[in-house]
Amino acid sequence: MSADGSTTTGDILIGADGIRSSVRGRLDPGAPGPSYTGQISLGGCAKPPDMASTGDARKSVT
């Protein structure tokens, strides 16, 4: 059930909702909360000059 009281159904649930995941809390209410692990993550994106265009493949969906 959502914060507004609505519900939905589906065949699969992907819980990619961040460190304070509401999905994790629903699946395992007794799970420990987030804690600092000392790990750092970096990311980046580079396009080699000879790489073909992917058109709108990475277009954001809102």
N, C-alpha and C. Protein backbone atom coordinates (compact mmCIF):
# COMPACT_ATOMS: atom_id res chain seq x y z
N MET A 1 0.84 -1.17 0.00
CA MET A 1 0.00 0.00 0.00
C MET A 1 0.89 1.24 0.00
N SER A 2 0.56 2.22 -0.82
CA SER A 2 1.31 3.46 -0.90
C SER A 2 0.96 4.38 0.26
N ALA A 3 1.74 5.44 0.42
CA ALA A 3 1.48 6.42 1.48
C ALA A 3 0.09 7.01 1.36
N ASP A 4 -0.43 7.09 0.12
CA ASP A 4 -1.77 7.66 -0.07
C ASP A 4 -2.88 6.61 0.05
N GLY A 5 -2.50 5.37 0.40
CA GLY A 5 -3.49 4.32 0.59
C GLY A 5 -3.78 3.49 -0.64
N SER A 6 -3.20 3.86 -1.80
CA SER A 6 -3.45 3.10 -3.02
C SER A 6 -2.61 1.82 -3.05
N THR A 7 -3.06 0.83 -3.79
CA THR A 7 -2.33 -0.42 -3.95
C THR A 7 -2.25 -0.77 -5.42
N THR A 8 -1.34 -1.69 -5.74
CA THR A 8 -1.20 -2.17 -7.11
C THR A 8 -0.67 -3.59 -7.06
N THR A 9 -0.73 -4.31 -8.17
CA THR A 9 -0.21 -5.66 -8.24
C THR A 9 0.71 -5.78 -9.45
N GLY A 10 1.53 -6.82 -9.45
CA GLY A 10 2.43 -7.07 -10.57
C GLY A 10 3.11 -8.41 -10.41
N ASP A 11 3.87 -8.80 -11.42
CA ASP A 11 4.58 -10.08 -11.40
C ASP A 11 5.96 -9.97 -10.80
N ILE A 12 6.54 -8.77 -10.78
CA ILE A 12 7.90 -8.58 -10.27
C ILE A 12 7.99 -7.19 -9.65
N LEU A 13 8.84 -7.07 -8.66
CA LEU A 13 9.07 -5.79 -8.00
C LEU A 13 10.57 -5.52 -7.99
N ILE A 14 10.95 -4.39 -8.54
CA ILE A 14 12.35 -3.98 -8.53
C ILE A 14 12.46 -2.83 -7.54
N GLY A 15 13.18 -3.06 -6.46
CA GLY A 15 13.30 -2.06 -5.41
C GLY A 15 14.52 -1.19 -5.61
N ALA A 16 14.49 -0.30 -6.57
CA ALA A 16 15.61 0.60 -6.85
C ALA A 16 15.26 2.00 -6.36
N ASP A 17 14.82 2.08 -5.10
CA ASP A 17 14.34 3.36 -4.59
C ASP A 17 15.28 3.99 -3.56
N GLY A 18 16.54 3.60 -3.57
CA GLY A 18 17.55 4.30 -2.80
C GLY A 18 17.81 3.78 -1.40
N ILE A 19 18.68 4.50 -0.72
CA ILE A 19 19.17 4.06 0.59
C ILE A 19 18.07 3.96 1.63
N ARG A 20 17.08 4.80 1.56
CA ARG A 20 15.98 4.75 2.51
C ARG A 20 14.76 4.08 1.86
N SER A 21 15.02 2.94 1.27
CA SER A 21 14.05 2.20 0.47
C SER A 21 12.77 1.85 1.22
N SER A 22 11.64 2.28 0.68
CA SER A 22 10.36 1.87 1.26
C SER A 22 10.04 0.43 0.84
N VAL A 23 10.58 -0.01 -0.29
CA VAL A 23 10.38 -1.39 -0.75
C VAL A 23 11.04 -2.36 0.22
N ARG A 24 12.27 -2.07 0.61
CA ARG A 24 12.99 -2.95 1.54
C ARG A 24 12.19 -3.08 2.85
N GLY A 25 11.66 -1.97 3.34
CA GLY A 25 10.88 -2.00 4.57
C GLY A 25 9.62 -2.83 4.45
N ARG A 26 9.02 -2.85 3.27
CA ARG A 26 7.81 -3.66 3.07
C ARG A 26 8.14 -5.15 2.98
N LEU A 27 9.27 -5.47 2.32
CA LEU A 27 9.65 -6.88 2.16
C LEU A 27 10.16 -7.48 3.46
N ASP A 28 10.91 -6.69 4.24
CA ASP A 28 11.48 -7.19 5.49
C ASP A 28 11.48 -6.07 6.53
N PRO A 29 10.35 -5.89 7.23
CA PRO A 29 10.26 -4.81 8.21
C PRO A 29 11.32 -4.88 9.30
N GLY A 30 11.87 -6.05 9.56
CA GLY A 30 12.89 -6.21 10.59
C GLY A 30 14.31 -6.00 10.10
N ALA A 31 14.48 -5.70 8.82
CA ALA A 31 15.82 -5.52 8.26
C ALA A 31 16.49 -4.30 8.88
N PRO A 32 17.81 -4.35 9.07
CA PRO A 32 18.51 -3.20 9.63
C PRO A 32 18.45 -2.01 8.67
N GLY A 33 18.46 -0.82 9.24
CA GLY A 33 18.45 0.39 8.42
C GLY A 33 19.79 0.63 7.76
N PRO A 34 19.88 1.69 6.96
CA PRO A 34 21.14 2.00 6.28
C PRO A 34 22.21 2.40 7.28
N SER A 35 23.46 2.07 6.96
CA SER A 35 24.59 2.48 7.80
C SER A 35 25.79 2.76 6.91
N TYR A 36 26.66 3.61 7.38
CA TYR A 36 27.86 3.99 6.62
C TYR A 36 28.81 2.81 6.53
N THR A 37 29.26 2.48 5.32
CA THR A 37 30.16 1.35 5.12
C THR A 37 31.59 1.78 4.78
N GLY A 38 31.77 3.06 4.52
CA GLY A 38 33.10 3.54 4.16
C GLY A 38 33.39 3.40 2.68
N GLN A 39 32.46 2.88 1.91
CA GLN A 39 32.67 2.71 0.48
C GLN A 39 32.29 3.97 -0.27
N ILE A 40 32.99 4.20 -1.37
CA ILE A 40 32.72 5.34 -2.24
C ILE A 40 32.45 4.81 -3.64
N SER A 41 31.51 5.41 -4.32
CA SER A 41 31.16 4.99 -5.67
C SER A 41 31.35 6.15 -6.63
N LEU A 42 31.91 5.86 -7.77
CA LEU A 42 32.10 6.87 -8.82
C LEU A 42 31.49 6.34 -10.11
N GLY A 43 31.07 7.23 -10.96
CA GLY A 43 30.52 6.82 -12.25
C GLY A 43 30.91 7.82 -13.32
N GLY A 44 30.74 7.42 -14.53
CA GLY A 44 31.05 8.31 -15.64
C GLY A 44 30.53 7.75 -16.94
N CYS A 45 30.59 8.56 -17.96
CA CYS A 45 30.12 8.15 -19.27
C CYS A 45 31.03 8.77 -20.32
N ALA A 46 31.50 7.97 -21.24
CA ALA A 46 32.36 8.48 -22.30
C ALA A 46 31.92 7.85 -23.62
N LYS A 47 31.95 8.64 -24.67
CA LYS A 47 31.59 8.14 -26.00
C LYS A 47 32.82 8.21 -26.90
N PRO A 48 33.34 7.04 -27.28
CA PRO A 48 34.48 7.03 -28.20
C PRO A 48 34.08 7.69 -29.53
N PRO A 49 35.01 8.36 -30.19
CA PRO A 49 34.69 9.09 -31.42
C PRO A 49 34.09 8.22 -32.53
N ASP A 50 34.41 6.92 -32.56
CA ASP A 50 33.91 6.05 -33.64
C ASP A 50 32.66 5.27 -33.24
N MET A 51 32.05 5.60 -32.12
CA MET A 51 30.88 4.87 -31.65
C MET A 51 29.62 5.37 -32.37
N ALA A 52 28.82 4.44 -32.86
CA ALA A 52 27.60 4.80 -33.58
C ALA A 52 26.56 5.38 -32.61
N SER A 53 25.73 6.25 -33.10
CA SER A 53 24.66 6.85 -32.31
C SER A 53 23.64 5.80 -31.91
N THR A 54 23.09 5.93 -30.72
CA THR A 54 22.01 5.05 -30.28
C THR A 54 20.66 5.73 -30.37
N GLY A 55 20.62 6.88 -31.00
CA GLY A 55 19.36 7.60 -31.19
C GLY A 55 18.74 8.01 -29.87
N ASP A 56 17.49 7.66 -29.67
CA ASP A 56 16.78 8.01 -28.45
C ASP A 56 16.81 6.90 -27.40
N ALA A 57 17.73 5.95 -27.51
CA ALA A 57 17.76 4.80 -26.60
C ALA A 57 17.94 5.21 -25.15
N ARG A 58 18.59 6.32 -24.88
CA ARG A 58 18.80 6.76 -23.51
C ARG A 58 17.90 7.92 -23.13
N LYS A 59 16.87 8.11 -23.86
CA LYS A 59 15.95 9.22 -23.60
C LYS A 59 15.24 9.02 -22.27
N SER A 60 15.20 10.03 -21.44
CA SER A 60 14.53 9.95 -20.15
C SER A 60 13.04 9.81 -20.32
N VAL A 61 12.42 9.02 -19.47
CA VAL A 61 10.98 8.84 -19.48
C VAL A 61 10.44 9.40 -18.17
N THR A 62 9.51 10.30 -18.26
CA THR A 62 8.94 10.87 -17.03
C THR A 62 7.46 10.59 -16.95
